[in-house]
Amino acid sequence: MYKAAILGDRDSIYGFAALGLEIVPVVEKAEAARTLRRLADEDYAVIYMTEALADTLKEEIAGYAERLMPAIIPVPGAYGNTGAGIANVRRFVEQAVGSDIIFGADSQ
């Protein structure tokens, strides 16, 4: 059975335990990269990650872009929204359909 987890600072991810996600607090970039690799190797189908953490792990995350699993999804953290999550959705939609259907051509 596949699992889902969330990585990030404790304040941002603690509430996700109520949704049944495994919460994995991480502080340092190296620790986060190791943890991401471990979760990917342990049948985690979806790994949510705070946007701030995802921003520090761009290269590591890029290595999973062509894989079916895990899906790595940035979410806003407790300390602000960087816009990375919606930017990724926008990029994937443009790639899939060839046009920006979320915001339209005038929003750029």
PDB file of N, CA and C in Angstrom:
ATOM      1  N   MET A   1       0.837  -1.176   0.000  1.00  0.00           N
ATOM      2  CA  MET A   1       0.000   0.000   0.000  1.00  0.00           C
ATOM      3  C   MET A   1       0.884   1.242   0.000  1.00  0.00           C
ATOM      4  N   TYR A   2       0.541   2.193  -0.834  1.00  0.00           N
ATOM      5  CA  TYR A   2       1.318   3.422  -0.909  1.00  0.00           C
ATOM      6  C   TYR A   2       0.971   4.340   0.244  1.00  0.00           C
ATOM      7  N   LYS A   3       1.943   5.188   0.570  1.00  0.00           N
ATOM      8  CA  LYS A   3       1.783   6.089   1.712  1.00  0.00           C
ATOM      9  C   LYS A   3       1.978   7.531   1.263  1.00  0.00           C
ATOM     10  N   ALA A   4       1.643   8.467   2.157  1.00  0.00           N
ATOM     11  CA  ALA A   4       1.835   9.898   1.906  1.00  0.00           C
ATOM     12  C   ALA A   4       2.486  10.511   3.137  1.00  0.00           C
ATOM     13  N   ALA A   5       3.361  11.483   2.888  1.00  0.00           N
ATOM     14  CA  ALA A   5       4.077  12.146   3.978  1.00  0.00           C
ATOM     15  C   ALA A   5       4.198  13.628   3.671  1.00  0.00           C
ATOM     16  N   ILE A   6       4.561  14.377   4.684  1.00  0.00           N
ATOM     17  CA  ILE A   6       4.844  15.801   4.503  1.00  0.00           C
ATOM     18  C   ILE A   6       6.136  16.141   5.226  1.00  0.00           C
ATOM     19  N   LEU A   7       7.001  16.871   4.522  1.00  0.00           N
ATOM     20  CA  LEU A   7       8.289  17.313   5.051  1.00  0.00           C
ATOM     21  C   LEU A   7       8.266  18.817   5.267  1.00  0.00           C
ATOM     22  N   GLY A   8       8.933  19.269   6.302  1.00  0.00           N
ATOM     23  CA  GLY A   8       9.055  20.701   6.523  1.00  0.00           C
ATOM     24  C   GLY A   8       9.319  21.003   7.985  1.00  0.00           C
ATOM     25  N   ASP A   9       9.261  22.278   8.311  1.00  0.00           N
ATOM     26  CA  ASP A   9       9.452  22.665   9.705  1.00  0.00           C
ATOM     27  C   ASP A   9       8.230  22.225  10.513  1.00  0.00           C
ATOM     28  N   ARG A  10       8.478  21.916  11.773  1.00  0.00           N
ATOM     29  CA  ARG A  10       7.437  21.340  12.632  1.00  0.00           C
ATOM     30  C   ARG A  10       6.180  22.216  12.695  1.00  0.00           C
ATOM     31  N   ASP A  11       6.328  23.508  12.801  1.00  0.00           N
ATOM     32  CA  ASP A  11       5.169  24.394  12.908  1.00  0.00           C
ATOM     33  C   ASP A  11       4.276  24.309  11.675  1.00  0.00           C
ATOM     34  N   SER A  12       4.870  24.128  10.515  1.00  0.00           N
ATOM     35  CA  SER A  12       4.106  24.107   9.269  1.00  0.00           C
ATOM     36  C   SER A  12       3.415  22.777   9.003  1.00  0.00           C
ATOM     37  N   ILE A  13       3.980  21.683   9.495  1.00  0.00           N
ATOM     38  CA  ILE A  13       3.461  20.368   9.098  1.00  0.00           C
ATOM     39  C   ILE A  13       2.676  19.633  10.171  1.00  0.00           C
ATOM     40  N   TYR A  14       2.745  20.077  11.410  1.00  0.00           N
ATOM     41  CA  TYR A  14       2.146  19.340  12.518  1.00  0.00           C
ATOM     42  C   TYR A  14       0.663  19.040  12.305  1.00  0.00           C
ATOM     43  N   GLY A  15      -0.101  19.984  11.792  1.00  0.00           N
ATOM     44  CA  GLY A  15      -1.539  19.801  11.607  1.00  0.00           C
ATOM     45  C   GLY A  15      -1.910  18.758  10.574  1.00  0.00           C
ATOM     46  N   PHE A  16      -0.980  18.413   9.686  1.00  0.00           N
ATOM     47  CA  PHE A  16      -1.270  17.442   8.639  1.00  0.00           C
ATOM     48  C   PHE A  16      -1.406  16.015   9.170  1.00  0.00           C
ATOM     49  N   ALA A  17      -0.967  15.788  10.402  1.00  0.00           N
ATOM     50  CA  ALA A  17      -1.128  14.464  11.003  1.00  0.00           C
ATOM     51  C   ALA A  17      -2.605  14.109  11.114  1.00  0.00           C
ATOM     52  N   ALA A  18      -3.451  15.113  11.328  1.00  0.00           N
ATOM     53  CA  ALA A  18      -4.894  14.880  11.439  1.00  0.00           C
ATOM     54  C   ALA A  18      -5.486  14.379  10.122  1.00  0.00           C
ATOM     55  N   LEU A  19      -4.786  14.623   9.015  1.00  0.00           N
ATOM     56  CA  LEU A  19      -5.252  14.150   7.703  1.00  0.00           C
ATOM     57  C   LEU A  19      -4.718  12.766   7.359  1.00  0.00           C
ATOM     58  N   GLY A  20      -3.944  12.185   8.267  1.00  0.00           N
ATOM     59  CA  GLY A  20      -3.413  10.853   8.040  1.00  0.00           C
ATOM     60  C   GLY A  20      -2.057  10.824   7.354  1.00  0.00           C
ATOM     61  N   LEU A  21      -1.439  11.999   7.169  1.00  0.00           N
ATOM     62  CA  LEU A  21      -0.110  12.033   6.565  1.00  0.00           C
ATOM     63  C   LEU A  21       0.938  11.760   7.631  1.00  0.00           C
ATOM     64  N   GLU A  22       1.999  11.105   7.228  1.00  0.00           N
ATOM     65  CA  GLU A  22       3.128  10.966   8.144  1.00  0.00           C
ATOM     66  C   GLU A  22       3.862  12.297   8.144  1.00  0.00           C
ATOM     67  N   ILE A  23       4.034  12.882   9.310  1.00  0.00           N
ATOM     68  CA  ILE A  23       4.747  14.151   9.379  1.00  0.00           C
ATOM     69  C   ILE A  23       6.226  13.864   9.647  1.00  0.00           C
ATOM     70  N   VAL A  24       7.072  14.535   8.883  1.00  0.00           N
ATOM     71  CA  VAL A  24       8.508  14.318   8.989  1.00  0.00           C
ATOM     72  C   VAL A  24       9.176  15.687   9.116  1.00  0.00           C
ATOM     73  N   PRO A  25       9.367  16.147  10.345  1.00  0.00           N
ATOM     74  CA  PRO A  25      10.013  17.448  10.515  1.00  0.00           C
ATOM     75  C   PRO A  25      11.497  17.359  10.171  1.00  0.00           C
ATOM     76  N   VAL A  26      11.967  18.318   9.402  1.00  0.00           N
ATOM     77  CA  VAL A  26      13.377  18.406   9.050  1.00  0.00           C
ATOM     78  C   VAL A  26      13.817  19.862   9.205  1.00  0.00           C
ATOM     79  N   VAL A  27      15.095  20.028   9.502  1.00  0.00           N
ATOM     80  CA  VAL A  27      15.623  21.367   9.720  1.00  0.00           C
ATOM     81  C   VAL A  27      16.687  21.705   8.684  1.00  0.00           C
ATOM     82  N   GLU A  28      17.667  20.846   8.538  1.00  0.00           N
ATOM     83  CA  GLU A  28      18.800  21.121   7.664  1.00  0.00           C
ATOM     84  C   GLU A  28      18.585  20.568   6.263  1.00  0.00           C
ATOM     85  N   LYS A  29      19.188  21.216   5.279  1.00  0.00           N
ATOM     86  CA  LYS A  29      19.059  20.822   3.880  1.00  0.00           C
ATOM     87  C   LYS A  29      19.555  19.391   3.656  1.00  0.00           C
ATOM     88  N   ALA A  30      20.697  19.037   4.200  1.00  0.00           N
ATOM     89  CA  ALA A  30      21.252  17.689   4.002  1.00  0.00           C
ATOM     90  C   ALA A  30      20.322  16.631   4.594  1.00  0.00           C
ATOM     91  N   GLU A  31      19.789  16.909   5.771  1.00  0.00           N
ATOM     92  CA  GLU A  31      18.847  15.995   6.422  1.00  0.00           C
ATOM     93  C   GLU A  31      17.583  15.847   5.571  1.00  0.00           C
ATOM     94  N   ALA A  32      17.096  16.944   5.028  1.00  0.00           N
ATOM     95  CA  ALA A  32      15.895  16.918   4.197  1.00  0.00           C
ATOM     96  C   ALA A  32      16.126  16.108   2.922  1.00  0.00           C
ATOM     97  N   ALA A  33      17.282  16.274   2.298  1.00  0.00           N
ATOM     98  CA  ALA A  33      17.598  15.528   1.071  1.00  0.00           C
ATOM     99  C   ALA A  33      17.666  14.033   1.360  1.00  0.00           C
ATOM    100  N   ARG A  34      18.306  13.650   2.450  1.00  0.00           N
ATOM    101  CA  ARG A  34      18.375  12.222   2.828  1.00  0.00           C
ATOM    102  C   ARG A  34      16.983  11.669   3.107  1.00  0.00           C
ATOM    103  N   THR A  35      16.182  12.445   3.806  1.00  0.00           N
ATOM    104  CA  THR A  35      14.833  12.009   4.150  1.00  0.00           C
ATOM    105  C   THR A  35      13.978  11.859   2.900  1.00  0.00           C
ATOM    106  N   LEU A  36      14.096  12.785   1.970  1.00  0.00           N
ATOM    107  CA  LEU A  36      13.351  12.693   0.713  1.00  0.00           C
ATOM    108  C   LEU A  36      13.723  11.411  -0.038  1.00  0.00           C
ATOM    109  N   ARG A  37      15.006  11.114  -0.132  1.00  0.00           N
ATOM    110  CA  ARG A  37      15.446   9.881  -0.807  1.00  0.00           C
ATOM    111  C   ARG A  37      14.896   8.648  -0.102  1.00  0.00           C
ATOM    112  N   ARG A  38      14.931   8.652   1.228  1.00  0.00           N
ATOM    113  CA  ARG A  38      14.428   7.506   1.997  1.00  0.00           C
ATOM    114  C   ARG A  38      12.938   7.296   1.749  1.00  0.00           C
ATOM    115  N   LEU A  39      12.159   8.368   1.801  1.00  0.00           N
ATOM    116  CA  LEU A  39      10.717   8.248   1.577  1.00  0.00           C
ATOM    117  C   LEU A  39      10.421   7.768   0.155  1.00  0.00           C
ATOM    118  N   ALA A  40      11.157   8.271  -0.806  1.00  0.00           N
ATOM    119  CA  ALA A  40      10.952   7.851  -2.199  1.00  0.00           C
ATOM    120  C   ALA A  40      11.250   6.366  -2.369  1.00  0.00           C
ATOM    121  N   ASP A  41      12.221   5.861  -1.631  1.00  0.00           N
ATOM    122  CA  ASP A  41      12.580   4.437  -1.716  1.00  0.00           C
ATOM    123  C   ASP A  41      11.632   3.539  -0.924  1.00  0.00           C
ATOM    124  N   GLU A  42      10.804   4.124  -0.050  1.00  0.00           N
ATOM    125  CA  GLU A  42       9.925   3.346   0.823  1.00  0.00           C
ATOM    126  C   GLU A  42       8.458   3.397   0.395  1.00  0.00           C
ATOM    127  N   ASP A  43       8.190   3.453  -0.889  1.00  0.00           N
ATOM    128  CA  ASP A  43       6.826   3.388  -1.425  1.00  0.00           C
ATOM    129  C   ASP A  43       5.916   4.529  -0.982  1.00  0.00           C
ATOM    130  N   TYR A  44       6.458   5.725  -0.832  1.00  0.00           N
ATOM    131  CA  TYR A  44       5.617   6.894  -0.607  1.00  0.00           C
ATOM    132  C   TYR A  44       5.210   7.418  -1.976  1.00  0.00           C
ATOM    133  N   ALA A  45       3.922   7.420  -2.233  1.00  0.00           N
ATOM    134  CA  ALA A  45       3.424   7.848  -3.540  1.00  0.00           C
ATOM    135  C   ALA A  45       3.337   9.358  -3.639  1.00  0.00           C
ATOM    136  N   VAL A  46       3.043  10.015  -2.522  1.00  0.00           N
ATOM    137  CA  VAL A  46       2.912  11.471  -2.492  1.00  0.00           C
ATOM    138  C   VAL A  46       3.732  11.999  -1.323  1.00  0.00           C
ATOM    139  N   ILE A  47       4.582  12.977  -1.644  1.00  0.00           N
ATOM    140  CA  ILE A  47       5.371  13.641  -0.611  1.00  0.00           C
ATOM    141  C   ILE A  47       5.091  15.130  -0.725  1.00  0.00           C
ATOM    142  N   TYR A  48       4.377  15.646   0.267  1.00  0.00           N
ATOM    143  CA  TYR A  48       4.148  17.084   0.345  1.00  0.00           C
ATOM    144  C   TYR A  48       5.368  17.696   1.025  1.00  0.00           C
ATOM    145  N   MET A  49       5.662  18.929   0.671  1.00  0.00           N
ATOM    146  CA  MET A  49       6.835  19.585   1.212  1.00  0.00           C
ATOM    147  C   MET A  49       6.551  21.077   1.291  1.00  0.00           C
ATOM    148  N   THR A  50       6.949  21.710   2.380  1.00  0.00           N
ATOM    149  CA  THR A  50       6.736  23.149   2.458  1.00  0.00           C
ATOM    150  C   THR A  50       7.475  23.834   1.306  1.00  0.00           C
ATOM    151  N   GLU A  51       6.900  24.906   0.818  1.00  0.00           N
ATOM    152  CA  GLU A  51       7.500  25.623  -0.313  1.00  0.00           C
ATOM    153  C   GLU A  51       8.918  26.082   0.001  1.00  0.00           C
ATOM    154  N   ALA A  52       9.151  26.542   1.219  1.00  0.00           N
ATOM    155  CA  ALA A  52      10.487  27.005   1.589  1.00  0.00           C
ATOM    156  C   ALA A  52      11.496  25.866   1.510  1.00  0.00           C
ATOM    157  N   LEU A  53      11.119  24.692   1.973  1.00  0.00           N
ATOM    158  CA  LEU A  53      12.014  23.540   1.909  1.00  0.00           C
ATOM    159  C   LEU A  53      12.208  23.094   0.462  1.00  0.00           C
ATOM    160  N   ALA A  54      11.136  23.059  -0.293  1.00  0.00           N
ATOM    161  CA  ALA A  54      11.239  22.665  -1.705  1.00  0.00           C
ATOM    162  C   ALA A  54      12.170  23.600  -2.464  1.00  0.00           C
ATOM    163  N   ASP A  55      12.167  24.867  -2.095  1.00  0.00           N
ATOM    164  CA  ASP A  55      13.042  25.834  -2.751  1.00  0.00           C
ATOM    165  C   ASP A  55      14.511  25.501  -2.507  1.00  0.00           C
ATOM    166  N   THR A  56      14.837  24.972  -1.338  1.00  0.00           N
ATOM    167  CA  THR A  56      16.228  24.622  -1.032  1.00  0.00           C
ATOM    168  C   THR A  56      16.640  23.293  -1.652  1.00  0.00           C
ATOM    169  N   LEU A  57      15.662  22.484  -2.062  1.00  0.00           N
ATOM    170  CA  LEU A  57      15.953  21.147  -2.611  1.00  0.00           C
ATOM    171  C   LEU A  57      15.621  21.033  -4.098  1.00  0.00           C
ATOM    172  N   LYS A  58      15.690  22.122  -4.829  1.00  0.00           N
ATOM    173  CA  LYS A  58      15.299  22.113  -6.244  1.00  0.00           C
ATOM    174  C   LYS A  58      16.015  21.035  -7.051  1.00  0.00           C
ATOM    175  N   GLU A  59      17.327  20.903  -6.877  1.00  0.00           N
ATOM    176  CA  GLU A  59      18.088  19.917  -7.642  1.00  0.00           C
ATOM    177  C   GLU A  59      17.668  18.494  -7.290  1.00  0.00           C
ATOM    178  N   GLU A  60      17.495  18.240  -6.014  1.00  0.00           N
ATOM    179  CA  GLU A  60      17.073  16.904  -5.561  1.00  0.00           C
ATOM    180  C   GLU A  60      15.687  16.570  -6.114  1.00  0.00           C
ATOM    181  N   ILE A  61      14.772  17.515  -6.052  1.00  0.00           N
ATOM    182  CA  ILE A  61      13.409  17.306  -6.537  1.00  0.00           C
ATOM    183  C   ILE A  61      13.399  17.087  -8.049  1.00  0.00           C
ATOM    184  N   ALA A  62      14.251  17.798  -8.765  1.00  0.00           N
ATOM    185  CA  ALA A  62      14.321  17.655 -10.223  1.00  0.00           C
ATOM    186  C   ALA A  62      14.637  16.226 -10.633  1.00  0.00           C
ATOM    187  N   GLY A  63      15.360  15.513  -9.807  1.00  0.00           N
ATOM    188  CA  GLY A  63      15.681  14.119 -10.091  1.00  0.00           C
ATOM    189  C   GLY A  63      14.461  13.198 -10.096  1.00  0.00           C
ATOM    190  N   TYR A  64      13.373  13.651  -9.515  1.00  0.00           N
ATOM    191  CA  TYR A  64      12.146  12.849  -9.459  1.00  0.00           C
ATOM    192  C   TYR A  64      11.109  13.304 -10.485  1.00  0.00           C
ATOM    193  N   ALA A  65      11.416  14.333 -11.245  1.00  0.00           N
ATOM    194  CA  ALA A  65      10.432  14.930 -12.162  1.00  0.00           C
ATOM    195  C   ALA A  65       9.935  13.956 -13.223  1.00  0.00           C
ATOM    196  N   GLU A  66      10.777  13.084 -13.707  1.00  0.00           N
ATOM    197  CA  GLU A  66      10.389  12.150 -14.767  1.00  0.00           C
ATOM    198  C   GLU A  66       9.847  10.826 -14.236  1.00  0.00           C
ATOM    199  N   ARG A  67       9.886  10.649 -12.931  1.00  0.00           N
ATOM    200  CA  ARG A  67       9.397   9.407 -12.334  1.00  0.00           C
ATOM    201  C   ARG A  67       7.905   9.502 -12.053  1.00  0.00           C
ATOM    202  N   LEU A  68       7.239   8.381 -12.136  1.00  0.00           N
ATOM    203  CA  LEU A  68       5.817   8.338 -11.818  1.00  0.00           C
ATOM    204  C   LEU A  68       5.580   8.608 -10.330  1.00  0.00           C
ATOM    205  N   MET A  69       6.425   8.020  -9.505  1.00  0.00           N
ATOM    206  CA  MET A  69       6.309   8.210  -8.057  1.00  0.00           C
ATOM    207  C   MET A  69       7.685   8.474  -7.486  1.00  0.00           C
ATOM    208  N   PRO A  70       7.741   9.248  -6.464  1.00  0.00           N
ATOM    209  CA  PRO A  70       6.658   9.926  -5.777  1.00  0.00           C
ATOM    210  C   PRO A  70       6.303  11.246  -6.458  1.00  0.00           C
ATOM    211  N   ALA A  71       5.073  11.664  -6.258  1.00  0.00           N
ATOM    212  CA  ALA A  71       4.667  13.015  -6.636  1.00  0.00           C
ATOM    213  C   ALA A  71       5.117  13.918  -5.495  1.00  0.00           C
ATOM    214  N   ILE A  72       5.891  14.930  -5.804  1.00  0.00           N
ATOM    215  CA  ILE A  72       6.383  15.854  -4.784  1.00  0.00           C
ATOM    216  C   ILE A  72       5.639  17.169  -4.969  1.00  0.00           C
ATOM    217  N   ILE A  73       4.865  17.530  -3.962  1.00  0.00           N
ATOM    218  CA  ILE A  73       3.946  18.658  -4.073  1.00  0.00           C
ATOM    219  C   ILE A  73       4.261  19.710  -3.016  1.00  0.00           C
ATOM    220  N   PRO A  74       4.684  20.904  -3.451  1.00  0.00           N
ATOM    221  CA  PRO A  74       4.936  21.979  -2.485  1.00  0.00           C
ATOM    222  C   PRO A  74       3.630  22.554  -1.942  1.00  0.00           C
ATOM    223  N   VAL A  75       3.633  22.850  -0.653  1.00  0.00           N
ATOM    224  CA  VAL A  75       2.482  23.470  -0.001  1.00  0.00           C
ATOM    225  C   VAL A  75       2.975  24.671   0.801  1.00  0.00           C
ATOM    226  N   PRO A  76       2.136  25.682   0.990  1.00  0.00           N
ATOM    227  CA  PRO A  76       2.560  26.835   1.799  1.00  0.00           C
ATOM    228  C   PRO A  76       2.886  26.411   3.222  1.00  0.00           C
ATOM    229  N   GLY A  77       3.858  27.058   3.804  1.00  0.00           N
ATOM    230  CA  GLY A  77       4.235  26.787   5.180  1.00  0.00           C
ATOM    231  C   GLY A  77       3.618  27.799   6.122  1.00  0.00           C
ATOM    232  N   ALA A  78       3.896  27.648   7.399  1.00  0.00           N
ATOM    233  CA  ALA A  78       3.360  28.546   8.416  1.00  0.00           C
ATOM    234  C   ALA A  78       3.964  29.942   8.332  1.00  0.00           C
ATOM    235  N   TYR A  79       5.092  30.049   7.680  1.00  0.00           N
ATOM    236  CA  TYR A  79       5.795  31.329   7.646  1.00  0.00           C
ATOM    237  C   TYR A  79       5.713  32.009   6.295  1.00  0.00           C
ATOM    238  N   GLY A  80       4.660  31.735   5.557  1.00  0.00           N
ATOM    239  CA  GLY A  80       4.445  32.454   4.311  1.00  0.00           C
ATOM    240  C   GLY A  80       4.385  31.555   3.092  1.00  0.00           C
ATOM    241  N   ASN A  81       3.848  32.139   2.052  1.00  0.00           N
ATOM    242  CA  ASN A  81       3.658  31.448   0.786  1.00  0.00           C
ATOM    243  C   ASN A  81       4.613  32.064  -0.227  1.00  0.00           C
ATOM    244  N   THR A  82       5.468  31.239  -0.822  1.00  0.00           N
ATOM    245  CA  THR A  82       6.426  31.748  -1.805  1.00  0.00           C
ATOM    246  C   THR A  82       5.854  31.759  -3.209  1.00  0.00           C
ATOM    247  N   GLY A  83       4.709  31.118  -3.407  1.00  0.00           N
ATOM    248  CA  GLY A  83       4.120  31.036  -4.739  1.00  0.00           C
ATOM    249  C   GLY A  83       4.638  29.872  -5.555  1.00  0.00           C
ATOM    250  N   ALA A  84       5.548  29.088  -5.001  1.00  0.00           N
ATOM    251  CA  ALA A  84       6.142  27.977  -5.741  1.00  0.00           C
ATOM    252  C   ALA A  84       5.115  26.906  -6.089  1.00  0.00           C
ATOM    253  N   GLY A  85       4.179  26.642  -5.202  1.00  0.00           N
ATOM    254  CA  GLY A  85       3.178  25.604  -5.459  1.00  0.00           C
ATOM    255  C   GLY A  85       2.331  25.924  -6.672  1.00  0.00           C
ATOM    256  N   ILE A  86       1.784  27.119  -6.736  1.00  0.00           N
ATOM    257  CA  ILE A  86       0.934  27.487  -7.866  1.00  0.00           C
ATOM    258  C   ILE A  86       1.763  27.628  -9.135  1.00  0.00           C
ATOM    259  N   ALA A  87       3.016  28.041  -9.014  1.00  0.00           N
ATOM    260  CA  ALA A  87       3.886  28.143 -10.186  1.00  0.00           C
ATOM    261  C   ALA A  87       4.124  26.765 -10.795  1.00  0.00           C
ATOM    262  N   ASN A  88       4.287  25.746  -9.950  1.00  0.00           N
ATOM    263  CA  ASN A  88       4.469  24.380 -10.456  1.00  0.00           C
ATOM    264  C   ASN A  88       3.208  23.876 -11.142  1.00  0.00           C
ATOM    265  N   VAL A  89       2.060  24.126 -10.528  1.00  0.00           N
ATOM    266  CA  VAL A  89       0.804  23.704 -11.150  1.00  0.00           C
ATOM    267  C   VAL A  89       0.660  24.368 -12.519  1.00  0.00           C
ATOM    268  N   ARG A  90       0.941  25.640 -12.563  1.00  0.00           N
ATOM    269  CA  ARG A  90       0.839  26.390 -13.816  1.00  0.00           C
ATOM    270  C   ARG A  90       1.756  25.801 -14.888  1.00  0.00           C
ATOM    271  N   ARG A  91       3.005  25.500 -14.503  1.00  0.00           N
ATOM    272  CA  ARG A  91       3.975  24.943 -15.442  1.00  0.00           C
ATOM    273  C   ARG A  91       3.517  23.579 -15.958  1.00  0.00           C
ATOM    274  N   PHE A  92       2.994  22.727 -15.073  1.00  0.00           N
ATOM    275  CA  PHE A  92       2.541  21.404 -15.486  1.00  0.00           C
ATOM    276  C   PHE A  92       1.329  21.488 -16.411  1.00  0.00           C
ATOM    277  N   VAL A  93       0.414  22.404 -16.128  1.00  0.00           N
ATOM    278  CA  VAL A  93      -0.755  22.570 -16.991  1.00  0.00           C
ATOM    279  C   VAL A  93      -0.320  23.048 -18.370  1.00  0.00           C
ATOM    280  N   GLU A  94       0.574  24.022 -18.409  1.00  0.00           N
ATOM    281  CA  GLU A  94       1.073  24.508 -19.699  1.00  0.00           C
ATOM    282  C   GLU A  94       1.739  23.393 -20.487  1.00  0.00           C
ATOM    283  N   GLN A  95       2.505  22.569 -19.803  1.00  0.00           N
ATOM    284  CA  GLN A  95       3.185  21.453 -20.453  1.00  0.00           C
ATOM    285  C   GLN A  95       2.172  20.428 -20.971  1.00  0.00           C
ATOM    286  N   ALA A  96       1.136  20.170 -20.210  1.00  0.00           N
ATOM    287  CA  ALA A  96       0.163  19.146 -20.577  1.00  0.00           C
ATOM    288  C   ALA A  96      -0.755  19.577 -21.714  1.00  0.00           C
ATOM    289  N   VAL A  97      -1.197  20.828 -21.693  1.00  0.00           N
ATOM    290  CA  VAL A  97      -2.192  21.257 -22.681  1.00  0.00           C
ATOM    291  C   VAL A  97      -1.666  22.280 -23.682  1.00  0.00           C
ATOM    292  N   GLY A  98      -0.459  22.764 -23.451  1.00  0.00           N
ATOM    293  CA  GLY A  98       0.138  23.699 -24.389  1.00  0.00           C
ATOM    294  C   GLY A  98      -0.314  25.138 -24.233  1.00  0.00           C
ATOM    295  N   SER A  99      -1.048  25.434 -23.164  1.00  0.00           N
ATOM    296  CA  SER A  99      -1.541  26.789 -22.948  1.00  0.00           C
ATOM    297  C   SER A  99      -1.770  27.000 -21.462  1.00  0.00           C
ATOM    298  N   ASP A 100      -1.729  28.243 -21.056  1.00  0.00           N
ATOM    299  CA  ASP A 100      -1.971  28.587 -19.665  1.00  0.00           C
ATOM    300  C   ASP A 100      -3.478  28.768 -19.462  1.00  0.00           C
ATOM    301  N   ILE A 101      -4.159  27.685 -19.111  1.00  0.00           N
ATOM    302  CA  ILE A 101      -5.616  27.749 -18.948  1.00  0.00           C
ATOM    303  C   ILE A 101      -6.016  28.215 -17.551  1.00  0.00           C
ATOM    304  N   ILE A 102      -5.061  28.249 -16.631  1.00  0.00           N
ATOM    305  CA  ILE A 102      -5.392  28.653 -15.263  1.00  0.00           C
ATOM    306  C   ILE A 102      -5.525  30.159 -15.162  1.00  0.00           C
ATOM    307  N   PHE A 103      -4.559  30.880 -15.696  1.00  0.00           N
ATOM    308  CA  PHE A 103      -4.540  32.325 -15.538  1.00  0.00           C
ATOM    309  C   PHE A 103      -4.823  33.076 -16.832  1.00  0.00           C
ATOM    310  N   GLY A 104      -4.735  32.419 -17.956  1.00  0.00           N
ATOM    311  CA  GLY A 104      -4.936  33.070 -19.241  1.00  0.00           C
ATOM    312  C   GLY A 104      -3.693  33.800 -19.690  1.00  0.00           C
ATOM    313  N   ALA A 105      -3.625  34.127 -20.937  1.00  0.00           N
ATOM    314  CA  ALA A 105      -2.442  34.742 -21.526  1.00  0.00           C
ATOM    315  C   ALA A 105      -2.216  36.170 -21.027  1.00  0.00           C
ATOM    316  N   ASP A 106      -3.246  36.854 -20.537  1.00  0.00           N
ATOM    317  CA  ASP A 106      -3.113  38.241 -20.119  1.00  0.00           C
ATOM    318  C   ASP A 106      -2.446  38.417 -18.756  1.00  0.00           C
ATOM    319  N   SER A 107      -2.299  37.329 -17.993  1.00  0.00           N
ATOM    320  CA  SER A 107      -1.807  37.452 -16.632  1.00  0.00           C
ATOM    321  C   SER A 107      -0.302  37.582 -16.532  1.00  0.00           C
ATOM    322  N   GLN A 108       0.403  37.467 -17.612  1.00  0.00           N
ATOM    323  CA  GLN A 108       1.856  37.529 -17.548  1.00  0.00           C
ATOM    324  C   GLN A 108       2.273  38.913 -17.726  1.00  0.00           C
TER     325      GLN A 108
END
